[in-house]
């Protein structure tokens, strides 16, 4: 039976570069903080809450925005599931939070930082911005696992639990970051297969 689903759009961010559909989209070689601000401006995100987010949520937002902007209407509810994974969970924020409570003489735990000590918060941020109301999950893997990502997205679509699935790898720790995100739907040009997911991830 032919595969009825396709990779409709995909985005990759790494080493100060954003590629959309495999083509150069934006490049800035600064620290992640500087890169994220310039990428935000280039994309035209216009979402002030962005600057209060942790770095992993910023990375997820920057990777998802070029994809979702042309495929969902944020003024209405959208039946788009989200399936993300990474290696470090929320460790980047965990370390920052630990530093805020480590010194008993200078003990200032920040609720604004603590809220991001869960890896799946980035899913919530994207869902709020784009009104995504469907299934979601966040896996922790040692490396990107195309088998699991394919199977989970395919199951959500075939079971009717979602009309589209935003899937991908969102890894960030300190200044090391890598995002690969793609949208699976009933229309598109790239067949949704494990082989194609792996090819686009490594491209």
N, C-alpha and C. Protein backbone atom coordinates (compact mmCIF):
# COMPACT_ATOMS: atom_id res chain seq x y z
N UNK A 1 0.85 -1.19 0.00
CA UNK A 1 0.00 0.00 0.00
C UNK A 1 0.88 1.25 0.00
N UNK A 2 0.56 2.18 -0.86
CA UNK A 2 1.35 3.40 -0.97
C UNK A 2 1.26 4.24 0.30
N UNK A 3 2.35 4.88 0.63
CA UNK A 3 2.38 5.76 1.79
C UNK A 3 1.56 7.02 1.49
N UNK A 4 0.51 7.31 2.26
CA UNK A 4 -0.34 8.47 1.95
C UNK A 4 0.15 9.78 2.55
N UNK A 5 1.30 9.77 3.21
CA UNK A 5 1.75 10.97 3.91
C UNK A 5 3.10 11.46 3.37
N UNK A 6 3.29 12.77 3.52
CA UNK A 6 4.46 13.41 2.93
C UNK A 6 5.10 14.39 3.91
N UNK A 7 6.38 14.62 3.72
CA UNK A 7 7.06 15.70 4.45
C UNK A 7 6.81 16.97 3.65
N UNK A 8 5.97 17.80 4.21
CA UNK A 8 5.49 18.99 3.49
C UNK A 8 6.48 20.14 3.54
N UNK A 9 7.20 20.25 4.66
CA UNK A 9 8.17 21.34 4.84
C UNK A 9 9.17 20.91 5.90
N UNK A 10 10.40 21.44 5.82
CA UNK A 10 11.39 21.10 6.85
C UNK A 10 12.39 22.24 7.01
N UNK A 11 12.98 22.30 8.21
CA UNK A 11 13.90 23.38 8.55
C UNK A 11 15.02 22.81 9.41
N UNK A 12 16.23 23.34 9.21
CA UNK A 12 17.38 22.89 9.98
C UNK A 12 18.16 24.10 10.49
N UNK A 13 18.57 24.05 11.76
CA UNK A 13 19.36 25.13 12.36
C UNK A 13 20.58 24.52 13.03
N UNK A 14 21.76 25.03 12.68
CA UNK A 14 23.00 24.55 13.29
C UNK A 14 24.14 25.50 12.94
N UNK A 15 25.03 25.72 13.89
CA UNK A 15 26.23 26.51 13.65
C UNK A 15 25.94 27.89 13.06
N UNK A 16 24.93 28.55 13.61
CA UNK A 16 24.63 29.92 13.17
C UNK A 16 23.96 30.01 11.82
N UNK A 17 23.42 28.88 11.33
CA UNK A 17 22.79 28.88 10.01
C UNK A 17 21.39 28.28 10.08
N UNK A 18 20.49 28.84 9.29
CA UNK A 18 19.16 28.27 9.12
C UNK A 18 19.00 27.89 7.66
N UNK A 19 18.57 26.65 7.42
CA UNK A 19 18.26 26.19 6.07
C UNK A 19 16.78 25.81 6.04
N UNK A 20 16.08 26.26 5.02
CA UNK A 20 14.66 25.96 4.86
C UNK A 20 14.48 25.23 3.55
N UNK A 21 13.88 24.05 3.61
CA UNK A 21 13.72 23.19 2.44
C UNK A 21 15.08 22.91 1.79
N UNK A 22 16.13 22.86 2.60
CA UNK A 22 17.46 22.56 2.10
C UNK A 22 18.22 23.73 1.53
N UNK A 23 17.59 24.90 1.45
CA UNK A 23 18.23 26.09 0.89
C UNK A 23 18.62 27.06 1.99
N UNK A 24 19.73 27.79 1.85
CA UNK A 24 20.13 28.78 2.86
C UNK A 24 19.02 29.80 3.10
N UNK A 25 18.73 30.05 4.37
CA UNK A 25 17.65 30.96 4.73
C UNK A 25 18.17 32.14 5.55
N UNK A 26 19.12 31.85 6.46
CA UNK A 26 19.70 32.91 7.30
C UNK A 26 21.01 32.42 7.88
N UNK A 27 21.94 33.36 8.09
CA UNK A 27 23.22 32.99 8.68
C UNK A 27 23.75 34.13 9.52
N UNK A 28 24.20 33.82 10.71
CA UNK A 28 24.85 34.79 11.60
C UNK A 28 25.74 34.00 12.54
N UNK A 29 27.03 34.31 12.58
CA UNK A 29 27.97 33.47 13.30
C UNK A 29 28.28 33.88 14.72
N UNK A 30 27.33 34.48 15.42
CA UNK A 30 27.58 34.91 16.79
C UNK A 30 27.24 33.80 17.79
N UNK A 31 27.24 34.17 19.10
CA UNK A 31 26.77 33.25 20.13
C UNK A 31 25.30 32.94 19.88
N UNK A 32 24.78 31.91 20.58
CA UNK A 32 23.38 31.58 20.34
C UNK A 32 22.47 32.75 20.70
N UNK A 33 22.79 33.47 21.79
CA UNK A 33 21.97 34.61 22.18
C UNK A 33 21.89 35.66 21.08
N UNK A 34 23.03 35.97 20.49
CA UNK A 34 23.06 36.96 19.41
C UNK A 34 22.40 36.41 18.15
N UNK A 35 22.71 35.15 17.85
CA UNK A 35 22.11 34.50 16.68
C UNK A 35 20.59 34.49 16.77
N UNK A 36 20.06 34.13 17.94
CA UNK A 36 18.61 34.02 18.09
C UNK A 36 17.92 35.36 17.91
N UNK A 37 18.53 36.43 18.41
CA UNK A 37 17.93 37.76 18.24
C UNK A 37 17.90 38.17 16.77
N UNK A 38 19.00 37.94 16.08
CA UNK A 38 19.07 38.31 14.66
C UNK A 38 18.15 37.43 13.82
N UNK A 39 18.06 36.14 14.15
CA UNK A 39 17.17 35.23 13.43
C UNK A 39 15.71 35.62 13.66
N UNK A 40 15.40 36.00 14.89
CA UNK A 40 14.04 36.47 15.23
C UNK A 40 13.66 37.65 14.33
N UNK A 41 14.58 38.59 14.17
CA UNK A 41 14.32 39.76 13.34
C UNK A 41 14.18 39.37 11.87
N UNK A 42 15.05 38.49 11.41
CA UNK A 42 15.03 38.07 10.00
C UNK A 42 13.72 37.35 9.66
N UNK A 43 13.29 36.48 10.56
CA UNK A 43 12.06 35.73 10.34
C UNK A 43 10.84 36.63 10.45
N UNK A 44 10.98 37.73 11.20
CA UNK A 44 9.84 38.62 11.43
C UNK A 44 8.84 38.00 12.37
N UNK A 45 9.36 37.44 13.45
CA UNK A 45 8.51 36.68 14.36
C UNK A 45 7.46 37.52 15.06
N UNK A 46 7.83 38.71 15.54
CA UNK A 46 6.88 39.62 16.19
C UNK A 46 6.11 38.92 17.31
N UNK A 47 6.84 38.39 18.29
CA UNK A 47 6.26 37.65 19.41
C UNK A 47 7.06 37.99 20.65
N UNK A 48 6.72 39.07 21.35
CA UNK A 48 7.54 39.57 22.48
C UNK A 48 7.86 38.53 23.54
N UNK A 49 6.99 37.55 23.73
CA UNK A 49 7.25 36.51 24.74
C UNK A 49 8.51 35.71 24.43
N UNK A 50 8.93 35.74 23.19
CA UNK A 50 10.14 35.04 22.76
C UNK A 50 11.33 35.36 23.65
N UNK A 51 11.47 36.60 24.05
CA UNK A 51 12.65 37.04 24.78
C UNK A 51 12.66 36.60 26.24
N UNK A 52 11.54 36.07 26.72
CA UNK A 52 11.47 35.54 28.08
C UNK A 52 11.70 34.03 28.13
N UNK A 53 11.77 33.42 26.96
CA UNK A 53 11.91 31.96 26.89
C UNK A 53 13.34 31.52 27.19
N UNK A 54 13.47 30.23 27.53
CA UNK A 54 14.81 29.64 27.62
C UNK A 54 15.35 29.42 26.21
N UNK A 55 16.63 29.12 26.12
CA UNK A 55 17.25 29.00 24.80
C UNK A 55 16.70 27.84 23.97
N UNK A 56 16.34 26.74 24.62
CA UNK A 56 15.81 25.62 23.84
C UNK A 56 14.46 25.97 23.23
N UNK A 57 13.62 26.67 23.97
CA UNK A 57 12.33 27.09 23.43
C UNK A 57 12.52 28.09 22.30
N UNK A 58 13.52 28.96 22.44
CA UNK A 58 13.83 29.89 21.35
C UNK A 58 14.23 29.13 20.10
N UNK A 59 15.08 28.12 20.28
CA UNK A 59 15.53 27.32 19.14
C UNK A 59 14.35 26.63 18.47
N UNK A 60 13.47 26.04 19.27
CA UNK A 60 12.30 25.36 18.73
C UNK A 60 11.38 26.35 18.01
N UNK A 61 11.22 27.52 18.57
CA UNK A 61 10.37 28.54 17.95
C UNK A 61 10.94 28.99 16.61
N UNK A 62 12.25 29.19 16.56
CA UNK A 62 12.89 29.64 15.32
C UNK A 62 12.79 28.58 14.22
N UNK A 63 12.88 27.31 14.60
CA UNK A 63 12.80 26.23 13.61
C UNK A 63 11.36 25.99 13.14
N UNK A 64 10.42 26.18 14.04
CA UNK A 64 9.02 25.89 13.69
C UNK A 64 8.35 27.03 12.92
N UNK A 65 8.75 28.26 13.19
CA UNK A 65 8.05 29.41 12.61
C UNK A 65 8.03 29.41 11.09
N UNK A 66 9.16 29.22 10.40
CA UNK A 66 9.10 29.23 8.93
C UNK A 66 8.24 28.11 8.36
N UNK A 67 8.12 27.00 9.09
CA UNK A 67 7.30 25.87 8.64
C UNK A 67 5.83 26.15 8.85
N UNK A 68 5.47 26.54 10.08
CA UNK A 68 4.06 26.68 10.43
C UNK A 68 3.42 27.92 9.83
N UNK A 69 4.21 28.96 9.63
CA UNK A 69 3.67 30.21 9.12
C UNK A 69 2.89 30.01 7.82
N UNK A 70 3.37 29.13 6.97
CA UNK A 70 2.74 28.91 5.67
C UNK A 70 1.79 27.73 5.64
N UNK A 71 1.62 27.07 6.80
CA UNK A 71 0.81 25.84 6.78
C UNK A 71 -0.31 25.80 7.82
N UNK A 72 -0.33 26.73 8.76
CA UNK A 72 -1.43 26.78 9.72
C UNK A 72 -1.85 28.23 9.93
N UNK A 73 -3.08 28.40 10.35
CA UNK A 73 -3.62 29.73 10.62
C UNK A 73 -3.70 29.91 12.14
N UNK A 74 -2.85 30.74 12.74
CA UNK A 74 -2.84 30.89 14.20
C UNK A 74 -4.09 31.57 14.77
N UNK A 75 -4.96 32.06 13.90
CA UNK A 75 -6.19 32.70 14.38
C UNK A 75 -7.28 31.67 14.66
N UNK A 76 -7.00 30.39 14.35
CA UNK A 76 -7.97 29.34 14.63
C UNK A 76 -7.26 28.12 15.18
N UNK A 77 -8.02 27.21 15.79
CA UNK A 77 -7.43 26.00 16.32
C UNK A 77 -6.93 25.10 15.19
N UNK A 78 -5.79 24.47 15.40
CA UNK A 78 -5.19 23.64 14.36
C UNK A 78 -4.91 22.24 14.90
N UNK A 79 -5.34 21.25 14.15
CA UNK A 79 -5.18 19.85 14.56
C UNK A 79 -3.80 19.35 14.12
N UNK A 80 -2.78 19.90 14.78
CA UNK A 80 -1.39 19.55 14.47
C UNK A 80 -0.74 18.97 15.72
N UNK A 81 -0.30 17.73 15.64
CA UNK A 81 0.40 17.10 16.76
C UNK A 81 1.87 17.49 16.73
N UNK A 82 2.55 17.37 17.87
CA UNK A 82 3.97 17.69 17.95
C UNK A 82 4.71 16.49 18.56
N UNK A 83 5.77 16.07 17.89
CA UNK A 83 6.60 14.97 18.37
C UNK A 83 8.05 15.44 18.31
N UNK A 84 8.64 15.73 19.46
CA UNK A 84 10.02 16.22 19.53
C UNK A 84 10.89 15.23 20.30
N UNK A 85 12.19 15.39 20.13
CA UNK A 85 13.15 14.59 20.87
C UNK A 85 14.46 15.35 20.98
N UNK A 86 15.26 15.00 21.98
CA UNK A 86 16.63 15.49 22.06
C UNK A 86 17.44 14.60 22.99
N UNK A 87 18.67 14.98 23.24
CA UNK A 87 19.56 14.20 24.09
C UNK A 87 19.68 14.79 25.49
N UNK A 88 19.74 16.11 25.60
CA UNK A 88 20.06 16.78 26.87
C UNK A 88 18.86 17.17 27.70
N UNK A 89 17.64 16.84 27.24
CA UNK A 89 16.43 17.27 27.93
C UNK A 89 16.49 18.78 28.15
N UNK A 90 16.25 19.25 29.37
CA UNK A 90 16.30 20.69 29.67
C UNK A 90 17.56 21.04 30.46
N UNK A 91 18.63 20.27 30.27
CA UNK A 91 19.84 20.42 31.08
C UNK A 91 20.41 21.84 31.03
N UNK A 92 20.34 22.49 29.89
CA UNK A 92 20.88 23.85 29.77
C UNK A 92 20.21 24.78 30.79
N UNK A 93 18.90 24.68 30.91
CA UNK A 93 18.17 25.50 31.88
C UNK A 93 18.35 24.98 33.29
N UNK A 94 18.43 23.67 33.45
CA UNK A 94 18.64 23.07 34.78
C UNK A 94 19.91 23.62 35.42
N UNK A 95 20.98 23.71 34.63
CA UNK A 95 22.26 24.21 35.13
C UNK A 95 22.12 25.67 35.56
N UNK A 96 21.43 26.45 34.76
CA UNK A 96 21.22 27.87 35.09
C UNK A 96 20.41 28.01 36.38
N UNK A 97 19.41 27.17 36.52
CA UNK A 97 18.58 27.24 37.72
C UNK A 97 19.37 26.80 38.95
N UNK A 98 20.17 25.75 38.81
CA UNK A 98 20.98 25.27 39.93
C UNK A 98 21.92 26.36 40.43
N UNK A 99 22.49 27.12 39.51
CA UNK A 99 23.40 28.20 39.90
C UNK A 99 22.68 29.26 40.73
N UNK A 100 21.37 29.43 40.47
CA UNK A 100 20.61 30.45 41.21
C UNK A 100 20.28 30.03 42.63
N UNK A 101 20.42 28.74 42.94
CA UNK A 101 20.08 28.27 44.29
C UNK A 101 21.28 27.63 45.01
N UNK A 102 22.43 27.60 44.35
CA UNK A 102 23.58 26.90 44.91
C UNK A 102 24.20 27.62 46.10
N UNK A 103 24.16 28.93 46.12
CA UNK A 103 24.80 29.72 47.17
C UNK A 103 23.78 30.08 48.24
N UNK A 104 23.88 29.51 49.45
CA UNK A 104 22.90 29.82 50.51
C UNK A 104 22.91 31.28 50.93
N UNK A 105 24.01 31.99 50.65
CA UNK A 105 24.10 33.41 50.99
C UNK A 105 23.52 34.30 49.88
N UNK A 106 23.28 33.68 48.73
CA UNK A 106 22.77 34.45 47.59
C UNK A 106 21.71 33.61 46.88
N UNK A 107 20.68 33.27 47.67
CA UNK A 107 19.69 32.29 47.23
C UNK A 107 18.51 33.00 46.58
N UNK A 108 18.49 33.00 45.24
CA UNK A 108 17.42 33.68 44.52
C UNK A 108 16.85 32.78 43.43
N UNK A 109 16.07 31.76 43.82
CA UNK A 109 15.45 30.90 42.81
C UNK A 109 14.47 31.70 41.96
N UNK A 110 14.57 31.56 40.67
CA UNK A 110 13.74 32.34 39.76
C UNK A 110 12.61 31.50 39.17
N UNK A 111 11.36 31.83 39.45
CA UNK A 111 10.24 31.11 38.83
C UNK A 111 10.28 31.19 37.31
N UNK A 112 10.79 32.31 36.78
CA UNK A 112 10.85 32.49 35.33
C UNK A 112 11.82 31.49 34.69
N UNK A 113 12.86 31.09 35.44
CA UNK A 113 13.79 30.08 34.94
C UNK A 113 13.26 28.68 35.24
N UNK A 114 12.71 28.49 36.45
CA UNK A 114 12.23 27.18 36.87
C UNK A 114 11.19 26.61 35.92
N UNK A 115 10.33 27.45 35.37
CA UNK A 115 9.25 26.98 34.50
C UNK A 115 9.80 26.26 33.27
N UNK A 116 11.05 26.54 32.90
CA UNK A 116 11.63 25.91 31.72
C UNK A 116 12.51 24.71 32.03
N UNK A 117 12.43 24.20 33.26
CA UNK A 117 13.20 23.01 33.62
C UNK A 117 12.45 21.72 33.28
N UNK A 118 11.65 21.78 32.25
CA UNK A 118 11.00 20.62 31.65
C UNK A 118 11.20 20.73 30.13
N UNK A 119 11.65 19.66 29.51
CA UNK A 119 11.97 19.73 28.08
C UNK A 119 10.76 20.04 27.21
N UNK A 120 9.57 19.59 27.64
CA UNK A 120 8.41 19.74 26.78
C UNK A 120 7.78 21.14 26.82
N UNK A 121 8.33 22.05 27.59
CA UNK A 121 7.77 23.41 27.63
C UNK A 121 7.86 24.07 26.26
N UNK A 122 8.88 23.73 25.48
CA UNK A 122 8.98 24.31 24.14
C UNK A 122 7.78 23.92 23.27
N UNK A 123 7.22 22.74 23.51
CA UNK A 123 6.01 22.32 22.80
C UNK A 123 4.86 23.24 23.15
N UNK A 124 4.74 23.57 24.44
CA UNK A 124 3.68 24.46 24.88
C UNK A 124 3.78 25.84 24.25
N UNK A 125 5.01 26.35 24.15
CA UNK A 125 5.21 27.68 23.58
C UNK A 125 4.76 27.72 22.12
N UNK A 126 5.15 26.70 21.35
CA UNK A 126 4.75 26.64 19.95
C UNK A 126 3.25 26.45 19.82
N UNK A 127 2.68 25.61 20.67
CA UNK A 127 1.25 25.34 20.62
C UNK A 127 0.43 26.60 20.92
N UNK A 128 0.87 27.37 21.88
CA UNK A 128 0.16 28.61 22.22
C UNK A 128 0.21 29.59 21.06
N UNK A 129 1.39 29.76 20.48
CA UNK A 129 1.53 30.73 19.39
C UNK A 129 0.68 30.36 18.19
N UNK A 130 0.64 29.07 17.85
CA UNK A 130 -0.03 28.66 16.62
C UNK A 130 -1.36 27.94 16.85
N UNK A 131 -1.85 27.96 18.10
CA UNK A 131 -3.14 27.34 18.40
C UNK A 131 -3.19 25.87 17.97
N UNK A 132 -2.15 25.14 18.35
CA UNK A 132 -2.10 23.72 18.03
C UNK A 132 -2.77 22.93 19.14
N UNK A 133 -3.83 22.23 18.80
CA UNK A 133 -4.63 21.52 19.81
C UNK A 133 -4.70 20.04 19.43
N UNK A 134 -3.66 19.28 19.74
CA UNK A 134 -3.64 17.86 19.42
C UNK A 134 -2.66 17.15 20.33
N UNK A 135 -2.31 15.92 19.98
CA UNK A 135 -1.38 15.12 20.76
C UNK A 135 0.02 15.75 20.74
N UNK A 136 0.79 15.47 21.80
CA UNK A 136 2.19 15.90 21.78
C UNK A 136 3.01 15.02 22.72
N UNK A 137 4.30 14.90 22.41
CA UNK A 137 5.20 14.15 23.29
C UNK A 137 6.63 14.62 23.04
N UNK A 138 7.49 14.37 24.03
CA UNK A 138 8.89 14.73 23.93
C UNK A 138 9.72 13.54 24.39
N UNK A 139 10.50 12.96 23.47
CA UNK A 139 11.35 11.82 23.79
C UNK A 139 12.77 12.28 24.12
N UNK A 140 13.44 11.50 24.93
CA UNK A 140 14.86 11.72 25.20
C UNK A 140 15.63 10.51 24.65
N UNK A 141 16.45 10.77 23.63
CA UNK A 141 17.24 9.72 22.99
C UNK A 141 18.72 10.10 23.05
N UNK A 142 19.57 9.10 22.97
CA UNK A 142 21.01 9.36 22.88
C UNK A 142 21.36 10.02 21.55
N UNK A 143 20.70 9.57 20.48
CA UNK A 143 20.87 10.15 19.15
C UNK A 143 19.51 10.21 18.46
N UNK A 144 19.44 10.96 17.39
CA UNK A 144 18.19 11.07 16.63
C UNK A 144 17.75 9.70 16.14
N UNK A 145 16.50 9.36 16.40
CA UNK A 145 15.97 8.03 16.07
C UNK A 145 14.85 8.18 15.04
N UNK A 146 15.19 8.04 13.77
CA UNK A 146 14.20 8.21 12.70
C UNK A 146 13.12 7.13 12.76
N UNK A 147 13.46 5.94 13.23
CA UNK A 147 12.48 4.85 13.32
C UNK A 147 11.32 5.25 14.23
N UNK A 148 11.64 5.72 15.42
CA UNK A 148 10.61 6.10 16.39
C UNK A 148 9.82 7.32 15.88
N UNK A 149 10.53 8.30 15.37
CA UNK A 149 9.85 9.52 14.91
C UNK A 149 8.87 9.20 13.78
N UNK A 150 9.31 8.36 12.85
CA UNK A 150 8.43 7.95 11.75
C UNK A 150 7.21 7.20 12.26
N UNK A 151 7.46 6.20 13.10
CA UNK A 151 6.37 5.34 13.58
C UNK A 151 5.34 6.13 14.38
N UNK A 152 5.81 7.04 15.23
CA UNK A 152 4.89 7.80 16.08
C UNK A 152 4.04 8.75 15.25
N UNK A 153 4.68 9.47 14.32
CA UNK A 153 3.93 10.41 13.47
C UNK A 153 2.95 9.65 12.58
N UNK A 154 3.41 8.55 12.00
CA UNK A 154 2.55 7.76 11.12
C UNK A 154 1.33 7.23 11.87
N UNK A 155 1.54 6.79 13.11
CA UNK A 155 0.43 6.28 13.92
C UNK A 155 -0.59 7.37 14.23
N UNK A 156 -0.11 8.56 14.57
CA UNK A 156 -1.03 9.68 14.87
C UNK A 156 -1.89 10.02 13.67
N UNK A 157 -1.28 10.01 12.49
CA UNK A 157 -2.01 10.37 11.27
C UNK A 157 -2.99 9.28 10.87
N UNK A 158 -2.54 8.04 10.88
CA UNK A 158 -3.40 6.93 10.45
C UNK A 158 -4.57 6.71 11.40
N UNK A 159 -4.38 7.00 12.68
CA UNK A 159 -5.45 6.82 13.67
C UNK A 159 -6.43 8.00 13.68
N UNK A 160 -6.12 9.05 12.93
CA UNK A 160 -6.99 10.22 12.90
C UNK A 160 -6.85 11.13 14.09
N UNK A 161 -5.81 10.93 14.91
CA UNK A 161 -5.61 11.77 16.08
C UNK A 161 -5.04 13.14 15.72
N UNK A 162 -4.55 13.29 14.50
CA UNK A 162 -4.02 14.57 14.04
C UNK A 162 -4.12 14.64 12.53
N UNK A 163 -4.26 15.86 12.02
CA UNK A 163 -4.28 16.07 10.57
C UNK A 163 -2.87 16.27 10.03
N UNK A 164 -1.99 16.83 10.87
CA UNK A 164 -0.60 17.03 10.51
C UNK A 164 0.25 16.78 11.76
N UNK A 165 1.52 16.49 11.55
CA UNK A 165 2.43 16.28 12.68
C UNK A 165 3.70 17.10 12.46
N UNK A 166 4.03 17.92 13.46
CA UNK A 166 5.29 18.65 13.47
C UNK A 166 6.27 17.82 14.29
N UNK A 167 7.31 17.34 13.66
CA UNK A 167 8.25 16.44 14.34
C UNK A 167 9.67 16.98 14.23
N UNK A 168 10.53 16.53 15.16
CA UNK A 168 11.91 16.94 15.00
C UNK A 168 12.79 16.77 16.22
N UNK A 169 14.04 17.16 16.05
CA UNK A 169 15.12 17.05 17.03
C UNK A 169 15.49 18.47 17.47
N UNK A 170 15.43 18.74 18.79
CA UNK A 170 15.72 20.06 19.33
C UNK A 170 16.76 19.91 20.44
N UNK A 171 18.01 19.95 20.07
CA UNK A 171 19.10 19.73 21.02
C UNK A 171 19.85 21.04 21.27
N UNK A 172 19.98 21.40 22.55
CA UNK A 172 20.74 22.60 22.92
C UNK A 172 21.34 22.42 24.30
N UNK A 173 22.64 22.63 24.37
CA UNK A 173 23.31 22.70 25.66
C UNK A 173 24.48 23.67 25.53
N UNK A 174 24.44 24.73 26.34
CA UNK A 174 25.44 25.78 26.28
C UNK A 174 25.42 26.39 24.88
N UNK A 175 26.55 26.41 24.18
CA UNK A 175 26.59 26.99 22.84
C UNK A 175 26.49 25.95 21.73
N UNK A 176 26.17 24.73 22.11
CA UNK A 176 26.02 23.67 21.11
C UNK A 176 24.53 23.45 20.86
N UNK A 177 24.11 23.64 19.63
CA UNK A 177 22.69 23.52 19.33
C UNK A 177 22.47 22.96 17.93
N UNK A 178 21.37 22.24 17.79
CA UNK A 178 21.03 21.62 16.51
C UNK A 178 19.53 21.38 16.49
N UNK A 179 18.85 21.95 15.53
CA UNK A 179 17.41 21.72 15.37
C UNK A 179 17.14 21.19 13.97
N UNK A 180 16.33 20.16 13.91
CA UNK A 180 15.83 19.64 12.64
C UNK A 180 14.34 19.40 12.83
N UNK A 181 13.53 20.09 12.06
CA UNK A 181 12.09 20.03 12.24
C UNK A 181 11.40 19.85 10.89
N UNK A 182 10.34 19.06 10.88
CA UNK A 182 9.62 18.82 9.63
C UNK A 182 8.13 18.61 9.90
N UNK A 183 7.32 18.93 8.89
CA UNK A 183 5.87 18.81 9.00
C UNK A 183 5.39 17.68 8.10
N UNK A 184 4.65 16.75 8.69
CA UNK A 184 4.11 15.61 7.94
C UNK A 184 2.62 15.84 7.71
N UNK A 185 2.18 15.66 6.46
CA UNK A 185 0.78 15.92 6.11
C UNK A 185 0.36 15.00 4.97
N UNK A 186 -0.88 15.14 4.54
CA UNK A 186 -1.40 14.31 3.46
C UNK A 186 -1.00 14.83 2.09
N UNK A 187 -0.36 15.99 2.05
CA UNK A 187 0.10 16.54 0.77
C UNK A 187 1.54 17.00 0.91
N UNK A 188 2.25 17.01 -0.18
CA UNK A 188 3.65 17.40 -0.17
C UNK A 188 4.40 16.73 -1.31
N UNK A 189 5.70 16.87 -1.33
CA UNK A 189 6.49 16.32 -2.44
C UNK A 189 7.47 15.24 -2.01
N UNK A 190 7.77 15.16 -0.70
CA UNK A 190 8.73 14.18 -0.19
C UNK A 190 7.97 13.11 0.59
N UNK A 191 8.05 11.87 0.15
CA UNK A 191 7.33 10.79 0.82
C UNK A 191 7.82 10.64 2.25
N UNK A 192 6.88 10.47 3.18
CA UNK A 192 7.22 10.31 4.59
C UNK A 192 7.69 8.89 4.84
N UNK A 193 9.01 8.71 4.83
CA UNK A 193 9.62 7.41 5.11
C UNK A 193 10.78 7.60 6.07
N UNK A 194 11.19 6.52 6.72
CA UNK A 194 12.35 6.59 7.63
C UNK A 194 13.60 7.01 6.86
N UNK A 195 13.74 6.48 5.66
CA UNK A 195 14.91 6.80 4.85
C UNK A 195 14.97 8.28 4.50
N UNK A 196 13.84 8.85 4.14
CA UNK A 196 13.81 10.28 3.78
C UNK A 196 14.03 11.17 4.99
N UNK A 197 13.51 10.76 6.14
CA UNK A 197 13.74 11.52 7.38
C UNK A 197 15.24 11.54 7.69
N UNK A 198 15.88 10.40 7.62
CA UNK A 198 17.31 10.31 7.90
C UNK A 198 18.12 11.13 6.89
N UNK A 199 17.71 11.06 5.63
CA UNK A 199 18.42 11.81 4.58
C UNK A 199 18.35 13.32 4.85
N UNK A 200 17.17 13.83 5.18
CA UNK A 200 17.00 15.25 5.42
C UNK A 200 17.72 15.67 6.70
N UNK A 201 17.71 14.82 7.71
CA UNK A 201 18.41 15.12 8.96
C UNK A 201 19.91 15.27 8.73
N UNK A 202 20.47 14.41 7.90
CA UNK A 202 21.92 14.42 7.66
C UNK A 202 22.34 15.32 6.51
N UNK A 203 21.39 15.91 5.86
CA UNK A 203 21.70 16.73 4.67
C UNK A 203 22.54 17.94 5.00
